[in-house]
Amino acid sequence: MLTNIRLISVQEYHKMAETGIFHPEERLELIAGQIIKMSAKGTAHESAITRTERILRQRLGDKVLLRIQSPVQLDDYSEPEPDISVVKLDQLDYEDHHPRACEVFLLIEIADSSLKYDREVKAIAYAKSGIIEYWILDINGRKLYMYRLPGSDGYRSESILAEDVTITPLAFGDCHIVIRELLRKV
């Protein structure tokens, strides 16, 4: 175990980006003080984001702001870019800050090659920051991982749901989605 690791803060990460240390096309995110290179986006991944965003917009309307692959600040050392963030409305559309954990209703990751990382690393980071609900849409396995009840060591509730199951986000009891609607046709 390495003990002399220097963690990077969100502020330092922003300064690095502003000074041009990262290539503009690099897909990076900050998790637990470490800069993580994100996977390339495939067409199935992009299609699932588009379908999920469309369905959420239809069902939730103007009750929320949907952000696509945009930063969420979990704490001073983590600023991931979930595929879809369902966040509280903000008068300035988050012009002056990225949504914080307390402003998030639901985070969604679309997994084609990132399932293990999304389940092990991101789920813990999201739970530790108090994100009340986190979904991973496994487009290869055609199922949804639903995480609820965040705690300091991870989520206390994990459900793996088949594509024929109807789900309802915790914050929106009147929003019902059949998982199959989010997946590509086979």
N, C-alpha and C. Protein backbone atom coordinates (compact mmCIF):
# COMPACT_ATOMS: atom_id res chain seq x y z
N MET A 1 0.84 -1.19 0.00
CA MET A 1 0.00 0.00 0.00
C MET A 1 0.88 1.24 0.00
N LEU A 2 0.63 2.12 -0.93
CA LEU A 2 1.37 3.37 -1.01
C LEU A 2 0.84 4.35 0.01
N THR A 3 1.74 5.01 0.70
CA THR A 3 1.30 5.97 1.73
C THR A 3 1.67 7.40 1.39
N ASN A 4 2.52 7.58 0.40
CA ASN A 4 2.97 8.93 0.05
C ASN A 4 2.30 9.44 -1.22
N ILE A 5 1.03 9.20 -1.34
CA ILE A 5 0.28 9.68 -2.50
C ILE A 5 -0.26 11.07 -2.19
N ARG A 6 -0.07 11.98 -3.12
CA ARG A 6 -0.62 13.33 -2.94
C ARG A 6 -1.91 13.42 -3.72
N LEU A 7 -2.99 13.69 -3.01
CA LEU A 7 -4.30 13.81 -3.64
C LEU A 7 -4.46 15.21 -4.23
N ILE A 8 -5.20 15.26 -5.31
CA ILE A 8 -5.47 16.53 -5.98
C ILE A 8 -6.87 17.00 -5.59
N SER A 9 -6.99 18.25 -5.22
CA SER A 9 -8.30 18.80 -4.84
C SER A 9 -9.05 19.24 -6.10
N VAL A 10 -10.33 19.46 -5.94
CA VAL A 10 -11.15 19.95 -7.05
C VAL A 10 -10.62 21.29 -7.53
N GLN A 11 -10.24 22.17 -6.62
CA GLN A 11 -9.70 23.49 -7.00
C GLN A 11 -8.42 23.34 -7.83
N GLU A 12 -7.52 22.45 -7.41
CA GLU A 12 -6.28 22.23 -8.16
C GLU A 12 -6.58 21.63 -9.53
N TYR A 13 -7.53 20.73 -9.57
CA TYR A 13 -7.93 20.08 -10.82
C TYR A 13 -8.45 21.14 -11.81
N HIS A 14 -9.27 22.06 -11.32
CA HIS A 14 -9.79 23.14 -12.17
C HIS A 14 -8.64 24.02 -12.69
N LYS A 15 -7.68 24.34 -11.80
CA LYS A 15 -6.54 25.17 -12.22
C LYS A 15 -5.71 24.45 -13.27
N MET A 16 -5.53 23.15 -13.12
CA MET A 16 -4.78 22.37 -14.11
C MET A 16 -5.48 22.44 -15.48
N ALA A 17 -6.79 22.34 -15.47
CA ALA A 17 -7.55 22.41 -16.72
C ALA A 17 -7.45 23.81 -17.33
N GLU A 18 -7.57 24.84 -16.49
CA GLU A 18 -7.50 26.22 -16.97
C GLU A 18 -6.15 26.55 -17.59
N THR A 19 -5.08 25.99 -17.06
CA THR A 19 -3.74 26.29 -17.58
C THR A 19 -3.37 25.42 -18.77
N GLY A 20 -4.26 24.53 -19.17
CA GLY A 20 -4.03 23.74 -20.37
C GLY A 20 -3.19 22.49 -20.18
N ILE A 21 -3.10 22.00 -18.96
CA ILE A 21 -2.32 20.78 -18.71
C ILE A 21 -2.95 19.59 -19.42
N PHE A 22 -4.27 19.58 -19.50
CA PHE A 22 -4.98 18.48 -20.16
C PHE A 22 -5.30 18.87 -21.59
N HIS A 23 -5.27 17.89 -22.47
CA HIS A 23 -5.69 18.12 -23.85
C HIS A 23 -7.21 18.35 -23.84
N PRO A 24 -7.72 19.30 -24.62
CA PRO A 24 -9.16 19.60 -24.60
C PRO A 24 -10.06 18.40 -24.90
N GLU A 25 -9.56 17.44 -25.65
CA GLU A 25 -10.37 16.26 -26.01
C GLU A 25 -10.23 15.12 -25.00
N GLU A 26 -9.34 15.27 -24.01
CA GLU A 26 -9.17 14.22 -23.02
C GLU A 26 -10.42 14.08 -22.17
N ARG A 27 -10.82 12.84 -21.94
CA ARG A 27 -11.98 12.58 -21.10
C ARG A 27 -11.47 12.15 -19.73
N LEU A 28 -11.54 13.07 -18.78
CA LEU A 28 -11.01 12.84 -17.44
C LEU A 28 -12.06 13.17 -16.39
N GLU A 29 -11.89 12.59 -15.21
CA GLU A 29 -12.69 13.00 -14.07
C GLU A 29 -11.85 12.80 -12.81
N LEU A 30 -12.22 13.51 -11.77
CA LEU A 30 -11.50 13.46 -10.51
C LEU A 30 -12.31 12.63 -9.52
N ILE A 31 -11.72 11.53 -9.05
CA ILE A 31 -12.37 10.66 -8.07
C ILE A 31 -11.41 10.44 -6.92
N ALA A 32 -11.83 10.81 -5.72
CA ALA A 32 -11.04 10.61 -4.50
C ALA A 32 -9.62 11.15 -4.66
N GLY A 33 -9.50 12.33 -5.28
CA GLY A 33 -8.21 12.99 -5.40
C GLY A 33 -7.33 12.47 -6.52
N GLN A 34 -7.83 11.55 -7.32
CA GLN A 34 -7.05 10.97 -8.42
C GLN A 34 -7.71 11.29 -9.75
N ILE A 35 -6.89 11.64 -10.74
CA ILE A 35 -7.41 11.93 -12.07
C ILE A 35 -7.55 10.60 -12.81
N ILE A 36 -8.76 10.32 -13.25
CA ILE A 36 -9.08 9.04 -13.89
C ILE A 36 -9.40 9.31 -15.36
N LYS A 37 -8.77 8.53 -16.23
CA LYS A 37 -9.06 8.62 -17.66
C LYS A 37 -10.32 7.80 -17.92
N MET A 38 -11.30 8.41 -18.55
CA MET A 38 -12.58 7.74 -18.80
C MET A 38 -12.50 6.94 -20.09
N SER A 39 -13.34 5.92 -20.19
CA SER A 39 -13.41 5.07 -21.37
C SER A 39 -13.93 5.85 -22.56
N ALA A 40 -13.55 5.38 -23.73
CA ALA A 40 -14.11 5.96 -24.96
C ALA A 40 -15.59 5.63 -25.03
N LYS A 41 -16.36 6.52 -25.65
CA LYS A 41 -17.81 6.33 -25.77
C LYS A 41 -18.14 5.62 -27.07
N GLY A 42 -18.82 4.49 -26.96
CA GLY A 42 -19.26 3.77 -28.14
C GLY A 42 -20.67 4.21 -28.56
N THR A 43 -21.12 3.72 -29.69
CA THR A 43 -22.43 4.14 -30.18
C THR A 43 -23.57 3.61 -29.31
N ALA A 44 -23.45 2.37 -28.81
CA ALA A 44 -24.50 1.83 -27.94
C ALA A 44 -24.60 2.66 -26.66
N HIS A 45 -23.46 3.07 -26.14
CA HIS A 45 -23.41 3.92 -24.94
C HIS A 45 -24.12 5.24 -25.20
N GLU A 46 -23.77 5.89 -26.30
CA GLU A 46 -24.39 7.17 -26.64
C GLU A 46 -25.89 7.05 -26.87
N SER A 47 -26.30 5.97 -27.54
CA SER A 47 -27.73 5.76 -27.80
C SER A 47 -28.49 5.59 -26.49
N ALA A 48 -27.90 4.85 -25.55
CA ALA A 48 -28.55 4.64 -24.25
C ALA A 48 -28.68 5.95 -23.48
N ILE A 49 -27.67 6.80 -23.56
CA ILE A 49 -27.76 8.12 -22.92
C ILE A 49 -28.91 8.91 -23.54
N THR A 50 -28.98 8.92 -24.86
CA THR A 50 -30.03 9.67 -25.56
C THR A 50 -31.41 9.16 -25.18
N ARG A 51 -31.60 7.84 -25.19
CA ARG A 51 -32.91 7.27 -24.83
C ARG A 51 -33.28 7.58 -23.39
N THR A 52 -32.33 7.40 -22.49
CA THR A 52 -32.60 7.63 -21.06
C THR A 52 -32.93 9.09 -20.80
N GLU A 53 -32.16 9.98 -21.41
CA GLU A 53 -32.42 11.42 -21.24
C GLU A 53 -33.79 11.78 -21.78
N ARG A 54 -34.15 11.25 -22.94
CA ARG A 54 -35.45 11.55 -23.55
C ARG A 54 -36.59 11.08 -22.63
N ILE A 55 -36.49 9.86 -22.13
CA ILE A 55 -37.54 9.31 -21.27
C ILE A 55 -37.65 10.10 -19.98
N LEU A 56 -36.53 10.43 -19.36
CA LEU A 56 -36.57 11.22 -18.12
C LEU A 56 -37.17 12.60 -18.38
N ARG A 57 -36.82 13.21 -19.49
CA ARG A 57 -37.38 14.53 -19.82
C ARG A 57 -38.90 14.45 -20.00
N GLN A 58 -39.36 13.39 -20.69
CA GLN A 58 -40.80 13.20 -20.89
C GLN A 58 -41.51 12.98 -19.56
N ARG A 59 -40.93 12.20 -18.68
CA ARG A 59 -41.60 11.82 -17.43
C ARG A 59 -41.47 12.87 -16.33
N LEU A 60 -40.33 13.58 -16.31
CA LEU A 60 -40.09 14.53 -15.21
C LEU A 60 -40.32 15.99 -15.62
N GLY A 61 -40.37 16.24 -16.91
CA GLY A 61 -40.67 17.59 -17.39
C GLY A 61 -39.74 18.63 -16.82
N ASP A 62 -40.34 19.72 -16.35
CA ASP A 62 -39.54 20.83 -15.82
C ASP A 62 -39.38 20.79 -14.30
N LYS A 63 -39.57 19.61 -13.70
CA LYS A 63 -39.35 19.47 -12.25
C LYS A 63 -37.88 19.41 -11.90
N VAL A 64 -37.04 19.06 -12.89
CA VAL A 64 -35.62 18.85 -12.66
C VAL A 64 -34.81 19.44 -13.80
N LEU A 65 -33.51 19.48 -13.60
CA LEU A 65 -32.57 19.80 -14.66
C LEU A 65 -31.81 18.51 -14.94
N LEU A 66 -31.76 18.13 -16.21
CA LEU A 66 -30.99 16.95 -16.63
C LEU A 66 -29.67 17.44 -17.18
N ARG A 67 -28.59 16.89 -16.68
CA ARG A 67 -27.25 17.25 -17.16
C ARG A 67 -26.60 16.00 -17.73
N ILE A 68 -26.03 16.12 -18.91
CA ILE A 68 -25.45 14.99 -19.61
C ILE A 68 -23.93 15.12 -19.60
N GLN A 69 -23.28 14.11 -19.01
CA GLN A 69 -21.82 14.03 -18.92
C GLN A 69 -21.21 15.35 -18.45
N SER A 70 -21.80 15.89 -17.41
CA SER A 70 -21.35 17.15 -16.81
C SER A 70 -20.90 16.90 -15.38
N PRO A 71 -19.95 17.70 -14.88
CA PRO A 71 -19.41 17.47 -13.55
C PRO A 71 -20.43 17.64 -12.43
N VAL A 72 -20.23 16.84 -11.40
CA VAL A 72 -20.95 16.96 -10.13
C VAL A 72 -19.87 16.97 -9.06
N GLN A 73 -19.89 17.97 -8.18
CA GLN A 73 -18.88 18.02 -7.13
C GLN A 73 -19.37 17.28 -5.91
N LEU A 74 -18.74 16.13 -5.63
CA LEU A 74 -19.14 15.32 -4.49
C LEU A 74 -18.56 15.84 -3.19
N ASP A 75 -17.31 16.28 -3.24
CA ASP A 75 -16.61 16.81 -2.07
C ASP A 75 -15.40 17.57 -2.58
N ASP A 76 -14.45 17.87 -1.70
CA ASP A 76 -13.27 18.64 -2.12
C ASP A 76 -12.31 17.86 -3.01
N TYR A 77 -12.48 16.54 -3.13
CA TYR A 77 -11.54 15.71 -3.90
C TYR A 77 -12.19 14.87 -4.99
N SER A 78 -13.47 15.04 -5.21
CA SER A 78 -14.15 14.25 -6.24
C SER A 78 -15.10 15.10 -7.06
N GLU A 79 -14.90 15.02 -8.38
CA GLU A 79 -15.78 15.72 -9.31
C GLU A 79 -15.94 14.83 -10.56
N PRO A 80 -16.74 13.77 -10.42
CA PRO A 80 -16.97 12.90 -11.57
C PRO A 80 -17.90 13.55 -12.59
N GLU A 81 -18.01 12.90 -13.74
CA GLU A 81 -18.91 13.35 -14.79
C GLU A 81 -19.85 12.20 -15.15
N PRO A 82 -20.89 12.00 -14.35
CA PRO A 82 -21.82 10.91 -14.63
C PRO A 82 -22.48 11.10 -15.99
N ASP A 83 -22.90 10.00 -16.59
CA ASP A 83 -23.55 10.09 -17.90
C ASP A 83 -24.80 10.95 -17.83
N ILE A 84 -25.60 10.76 -16.79
CA ILE A 84 -26.81 11.59 -16.61
C ILE A 84 -26.93 11.95 -15.14
N SER A 85 -27.13 13.23 -14.89
CA SER A 85 -27.38 13.72 -13.54
C SER A 85 -28.78 14.34 -13.52
N VAL A 86 -29.60 13.89 -12.59
CA VAL A 86 -30.92 14.48 -12.39
C VAL A 86 -30.78 15.36 -11.15
N VAL A 87 -30.79 16.67 -11.36
CA VAL A 87 -30.48 17.59 -10.27
C VAL A 87 -31.61 18.59 -10.05
N LYS A 88 -31.53 19.25 -8.91
CA LYS A 88 -32.51 20.28 -8.57
C LYS A 88 -32.39 21.43 -9.56
N LEU A 89 -33.50 22.10 -9.77
CA LEU A 89 -33.48 23.30 -10.60
C LEU A 89 -32.63 24.36 -9.92
N ASP A 90 -31.93 25.15 -10.71
CA ASP A 90 -31.10 26.22 -10.20
C ASP A 90 -31.37 27.45 -11.05
N GLN A 91 -31.60 28.56 -10.40
CA GLN A 91 -31.96 29.79 -11.11
C GLN A 91 -30.93 30.17 -12.17
N LEU A 92 -29.66 29.86 -11.92
CA LEU A 92 -28.59 30.21 -12.87
C LEU A 92 -28.15 29.01 -13.71
N ASP A 93 -28.88 27.91 -13.65
CA ASP A 93 -28.51 26.69 -14.36
C ASP A 93 -27.07 26.27 -14.04
N TYR A 94 -26.68 26.46 -12.77
CA TYR A 94 -25.36 26.06 -12.28
C TYR A 94 -24.22 26.79 -12.99
N GLU A 95 -24.47 28.04 -13.32
CA GLU A 95 -23.43 28.86 -13.95
C GLU A 95 -22.29 29.15 -12.98
N ASP A 96 -22.61 29.27 -11.69
CA ASP A 96 -21.59 29.66 -10.71
C ASP A 96 -20.99 28.49 -9.94
N HIS A 97 -21.48 27.29 -10.15
CA HIS A 97 -20.90 26.10 -9.51
C HIS A 97 -21.47 24.84 -10.17
N HIS A 98 -20.75 23.74 -10.03
CA HIS A 98 -21.30 22.46 -10.47
C HIS A 98 -22.24 21.97 -9.38
N PRO A 99 -23.26 21.21 -9.74
CA PRO A 99 -24.15 20.69 -8.69
C PRO A 99 -23.35 19.93 -7.63
N ARG A 100 -23.76 20.11 -6.39
CA ARG A 100 -23.14 19.40 -5.27
C ARG A 100 -24.03 18.20 -4.93
N ALA A 101 -23.51 17.31 -4.15
CA ALA A 101 -24.24 16.09 -3.81
C ALA A 101 -25.64 16.39 -3.26
N CYS A 102 -25.77 17.43 -2.46
CA CYS A 102 -27.06 17.75 -1.85
C CYS A 102 -28.07 18.27 -2.88
N GLU A 103 -27.63 18.56 -4.10
CA GLU A 103 -28.50 19.07 -5.16
C GLU A 103 -28.86 17.98 -6.18
N VAL A 104 -28.45 16.75 -5.90
CA VAL A 104 -28.64 15.65 -6.84
C VAL A 104 -29.78 14.75 -6.37
N PHE A 105 -30.70 14.45 -7.28
CA PHE A 105 -31.75 13.47 -7.02
C PHE A 105 -31.31 12.06 -7.42
N LEU A 106 -30.60 11.96 -8.54
CA LEU A 106 -30.26 10.66 -9.11
C LEU A 106 -29.08 10.82 -10.05
N LEU A 107 -28.13 9.87 -9.97
CA LEU A 107 -27.04 9.81 -10.94
C LEU A 107 -27.17 8.50 -11.70
N ILE A 108 -26.89 8.56 -13.00
CA ILE A 108 -26.99 7.37 -13.85
C ILE A 108 -25.71 7.24 -14.65
N GLU A 109 -25.15 6.04 -14.63
CA GLU A 109 -24.02 5.69 -15.49
C GLU A 109 -24.51 4.65 -16.48
N ILE A 110 -24.08 4.77 -17.71
CA ILE A 110 -24.36 3.79 -18.75
C ILE A 110 -23.09 2.95 -18.88
N ALA A 111 -23.22 1.64 -18.69
CA ALA A 111 -22.03 0.78 -18.71
C ALA A 111 -22.06 -0.15 -19.91
N ASP A 112 -21.01 -0.04 -20.71
CA ASP A 112 -20.77 -1.07 -21.71
C ASP A 112 -19.43 -1.73 -21.37
N SER A 113 -18.37 -0.93 -21.22
CA SER A 113 -17.08 -1.49 -20.81
C SER A 113 -16.69 -1.09 -19.39
N SER A 114 -17.50 -0.31 -18.72
CA SER A 114 -17.12 0.27 -17.42
C SER A 114 -17.89 -0.30 -16.23
N LEU A 115 -18.59 -1.41 -16.39
CA LEU A 115 -19.47 -1.92 -15.33
C LEU A 115 -18.74 -2.15 -14.01
N LYS A 116 -17.61 -2.81 -14.06
CA LYS A 116 -16.86 -3.11 -12.82
C LYS A 116 -16.46 -1.80 -12.12
N TYR A 117 -15.93 -0.85 -12.86
CA TYR A 117 -15.52 0.44 -12.30
C TYR A 117 -16.73 1.20 -11.73
N ASP A 118 -17.82 1.21 -12.48
CA ASP A 118 -19.02 1.92 -12.03
C ASP A 118 -19.58 1.29 -10.75
N ARG A 119 -19.52 -0.03 -10.65
CA ARG A 119 -20.05 -0.73 -9.48
C ARG A 119 -19.13 -0.60 -8.26
N GLU A 120 -17.84 -0.65 -8.49
CA GLU A 120 -16.91 -0.70 -7.36
C GLU A 120 -16.39 0.67 -6.94
N VAL A 121 -15.97 1.47 -7.87
CA VAL A 121 -15.37 2.76 -7.53
C VAL A 121 -16.41 3.86 -7.41
N LYS A 122 -17.19 4.03 -8.47
CA LYS A 122 -18.16 5.13 -8.46
C LYS A 122 -19.26 4.92 -7.42
N ALA A 123 -19.73 3.70 -7.26
CA ALA A 123 -20.79 3.46 -6.27
C ALA A 123 -20.33 3.87 -4.87
N ILE A 124 -19.10 3.56 -4.53
CA ILE A 124 -18.59 3.93 -3.20
C ILE A 124 -18.45 5.44 -3.09
N ALA A 125 -17.90 6.08 -4.13
CA ALA A 125 -17.75 7.55 -4.09
C ALA A 125 -19.10 8.23 -3.97
N TYR A 126 -20.08 7.76 -4.73
CA TYR A 126 -21.41 8.37 -4.68
C TYR A 126 -22.08 8.15 -3.32
N ALA A 127 -21.96 6.94 -2.79
CA ALA A 127 -22.56 6.66 -1.48
C ALA A 127 -21.93 7.50 -0.38
N LYS A 128 -20.61 7.57 -0.37
CA LYS A 128 -19.91 8.34 0.67
C LYS A 128 -20.32 9.80 0.67
N SER A 129 -20.66 10.33 -0.51
CA SER A 129 -21.04 11.74 -0.60
C SER A 129 -22.53 11.95 -0.33
N GLY A 130 -23.29 10.86 -0.15
CA GLY A 130 -24.70 10.98 0.19
C GLY A 130 -25.65 11.05 -0.99
N ILE A 131 -25.21 10.66 -2.18
CA ILE A 131 -26.12 10.61 -3.34
C ILE A 131 -27.20 9.59 -3.01
N ILE A 132 -28.46 10.02 -2.96
CA ILE A 132 -29.53 9.16 -2.46
C ILE A 132 -29.86 7.99 -3.37
N GLU A 133 -29.60 8.16 -4.68
CA GLU A 133 -29.92 7.08 -5.60
C GLU A 133 -28.96 7.10 -6.78
N TYR A 134 -28.51 5.90 -7.16
CA TYR A 134 -27.55 5.74 -8.24
C TYR A 134 -27.95 4.52 -9.06
N TRP A 135 -28.01 4.71 -10.38
CA TRP A 135 -28.35 3.61 -11.28
C TRP A 135 -27.20 3.37 -12.24
N ILE A 136 -26.98 2.10 -12.56
CA ILE A 136 -26.06 1.73 -13.64
C ILE A 136 -26.88 0.92 -14.64
N LEU A 137 -26.97 1.43 -15.84
CA LEU A 137 -27.66 0.72 -16.91
C LEU A 137 -26.62 -0.12 -17.65
N ASP A 138 -26.69 -1.43 -17.45
CA ASP A 138 -25.76 -2.38 -18.09
C ASP A 138 -26.34 -2.74 -19.46
N ILE A 139 -25.82 -2.09 -20.50
CA ILE A 139 -26.41 -2.30 -21.81
C ILE A 139 -26.03 -3.64 -22.42
N ASN A 140 -24.93 -4.24 -21.99
CA ASN A 140 -24.55 -5.57 -22.49
C ASN A 140 -25.34 -6.67 -21.79
N GLY A 141 -25.48 -6.54 -20.48
CA GLY A 141 -26.22 -7.54 -19.70
C GLY A 141 -27.72 -7.31 -19.69
N ARG A 142 -28.16 -6.19 -20.26
CA ARG A 142 -29.58 -5.84 -20.35
C ARG A 142 -30.27 -5.87 -18.99
N LYS A 143 -29.65 -5.16 -18.04
CA LYS A 143 -30.23 -5.03 -16.70
C LYS A 143 -29.82 -3.70 -16.09
N LEU A 144 -30.43 -3.41 -14.97
CA LEU A 144 -30.15 -2.16 -14.27
C LEU A 144 -29.74 -2.47 -12.84
N TYR A 145 -28.65 -1.85 -12.40
CA TYR A 145 -28.21 -1.94 -11.02
C TYR A 145 -28.74 -0.68 -10.33
N MET A 146 -29.50 -0.88 -9.28
CA MET A 146 -30.10 0.25 -8.56
C MET A 146 -29.52 0.29 -7.14
N TYR A 147 -28.92 1.43 -6.80
CA TYR A 147 -28.31 1.61 -5.48
C TYR A 147 -29.08 2.68 -4.72
N ARG A 148 -29.38 2.34 -3.47
CA ARG A 148 -30.09 3.28 -2.59
C ARG A 148 -29.55 3.13 -1.16
N LEU A 149 -29.92 4.04 -0.30
CA LEU A 149 -29.50 4.06 1.10
C LEU A 149 -27.99 4.22 1.23
N PRO A 150 -27.47 5.41 0.91
CA PRO A 150 -26.03 5.63 0.97
C PRO A 150 -25.50 5.62 2.39
N GLY A 151 -24.27 5.15 2.53
CA GLY A 151 -23.58 5.16 3.81
C GLY A 151 -22.11 5.44 3.59
N SER A 152 -21.36 5.53 4.66
CA SER A 152 -19.94 5.89 4.56
C SER A 152 -19.09 4.79 3.93
N ASP A 153 -19.60 3.57 3.87
CA ASP A 153 -18.83 2.48 3.27
C ASP A 153 -19.49 1.92 2.01
N GLY A 154 -20.48 2.62 1.48
CA GLY A 154 -21.16 2.18 0.27
C GLY A 154 -22.67 2.21 0.45
N TYR A 155 -23.37 1.74 -0.55
CA TYR A 155 -24.83 1.71 -0.48
C TYR A 155 -25.28 0.47 0.29
N ARG A 156 -26.30 0.63 1.10
CA ARG A 156 -26.85 -0.49 1.88
C ARG A 156 -27.89 -1.27 1.10
N SER A 157 -28.35 -0.73 -0.01
CA SER A 157 -29.32 -1.43 -0.84
C SER A 157 -28.83 -1.45 -2.29
N GLU A 158 -28.67 -2.67 -2.82
CA GLU A 158 -28.32 -2.84 -4.23
C GLU A 158 -29.28 -3.86 -4.82
N SER A 159 -29.95 -3.48 -5.89
CA SER A 159 -30.85 -4.38 -6.59
C SER A 159 -30.37 -4.51 -8.03
N ILE A 160 -30.41 -5.72 -8.54
CA ILE A 160 -30.08 -5.96 -9.94
C ILE A 160 -31.38 -6.38 -10.60
N LEU A 161 -31.84 -5.54 -11.53
CA LEU A 161 -33.18 -5.68 -12.08
C LEU A 161 -33.16 -6.06 -13.55
N ALA A 162 -34.04 -6.97 -13.92
CA ALA A 162 -34.16 -7.42 -15.31
C ALA A 162 -34.87 -6.36 -16.14
N GLU A 163 -34.75 -6.48 -17.45
CA GLU A 163 -35.27 -5.46 -18.35
C GLU A 163 -36.79 -5.32 -18.35
N ASP A 164 -37.52 -6.31 -17.84
CA ASP A 164 -38.98 -6.22 -17.84
C ASP A 164 -39.53 -5.58 -16.55
N VAL A 165 -38.66 -5.15 -15.67
CA VAL A 165 -39.06 -4.55 -14.39
C VAL A 165 -39.34 -3.06 -14.58
N THR A 166 -40.35 -2.56 -13.86
CA THR A 166 -40.65 -1.12 -13.85
C THR A 166 -39.98 -0.51 -12.63
N ILE A 167 -39.29 0.60 -12.83
CA ILE A 167 -38.59 1.29 -11.75
C ILE A 167 -39.20 2.67 -11.55
N THR A 168 -39.03 3.17 -10.33
CA THR A 168 -39.52 4.49 -9.96
C THR A 168 -38.43 5.17 -9.15
N PRO A 169 -37.92 6.32 -9.61
CA PRO A 169 -36.91 7.03 -8.81
C PRO A 169 -37.48 7.42 -7.44
N LEU A 170 -36.65 7.32 -6.42
CA LEU A 170 -37.08 7.65 -5.05
C LEU A 170 -37.73 9.02 -4.94
N ALA A 171 -37.15 10.01 -5.58
CA ALA A 171 -37.64 11.39 -5.44
C ALA A 171 -38.88 11.70 -6.27
N PHE A 172 -39.28 10.75 -7.14
CA PHE A 172 -40.39 11.02 -8.06
C PHE A 172 -41.30 9.81 -8.15
N GLY A 173 -42.18 9.66 -7.18
CA GLY A 173 -43.07 8.50 -7.10
C GLY A 173 -44.03 8.37 -8.26
N ASP A 174 -44.22 9.43 -9.01
CA ASP A 174 -45.14 9.37 -10.15
C ASP A 174 -44.43 9.09 -11.48
N CYS A 175 -43.15 8.80 -11.43
CA CYS A 175 -42.35 8.53 -12.63
C CYS A 175 -42.06 7.03 -12.69
N HIS A 176 -42.62 6.36 -13.68
CA HIS A 176 -42.44 4.92 -13.83
C HIS A 176 -41.78 4.62 -15.17
N ILE A 177 -40.72 3.81 -15.12
CA ILE A 177 -39.96 3.49 -16.33
C ILE A 177 -39.74 1.98 -16.38
N VAL A 178 -40.06 1.38 -17.52
CA VAL A 178 -39.73 -0.02 -17.73
C VAL A 178 -38.29 -0.03 -18.23
N ILE A 179 -37.43 -0.80 -17.58
CA ILE A 179 -36.00 -0.80 -17.91
C ILE A 179 -35.78 -1.04 -19.40
N ARG A 180 -36.57 -1.89 -20.00
CA ARG A 180 -36.44 -2.19 -21.43
C ARG A 180 -36.47 -0.93 -22.29
N GLU A 181 -37.21 0.10 -21.84
CA GLU A 181 -37.31 1.34 -22.59
C GLU A 181 -35.93 2.03 -22.73
N LEU A 182 -35.05 1.78 -21.78
CA LEU A 182 -33.74 2.43 -21.75
C LEU A 182 -32.70 1.69 -22.58
N LEU A 183 -32.97 0.45 -22.90
CA LEU A 183 -32.01 -0.41 -23.60
C LEU A 183 -32.23 -0.39 -25.10
N ARG A 184 -31.18 -0.67 -25.82
CA ARG A 184 -31.31 -0.75 -27.27
C ARG A 184 -32.11 -2.00 -27.63
N LYS A 185 -32.71 -1.95 -28.78
CA LYS A 185 -33.48 -3.10 -29.25
C LYS A 185 -32.53 -4.21 -29.66
N VAL A 186 -32.95 -5.45 -29.48
CA VAL A 186 -32.12 -6.59 -29.92
C VAL A 186 -32.79 -7.32 -31.04
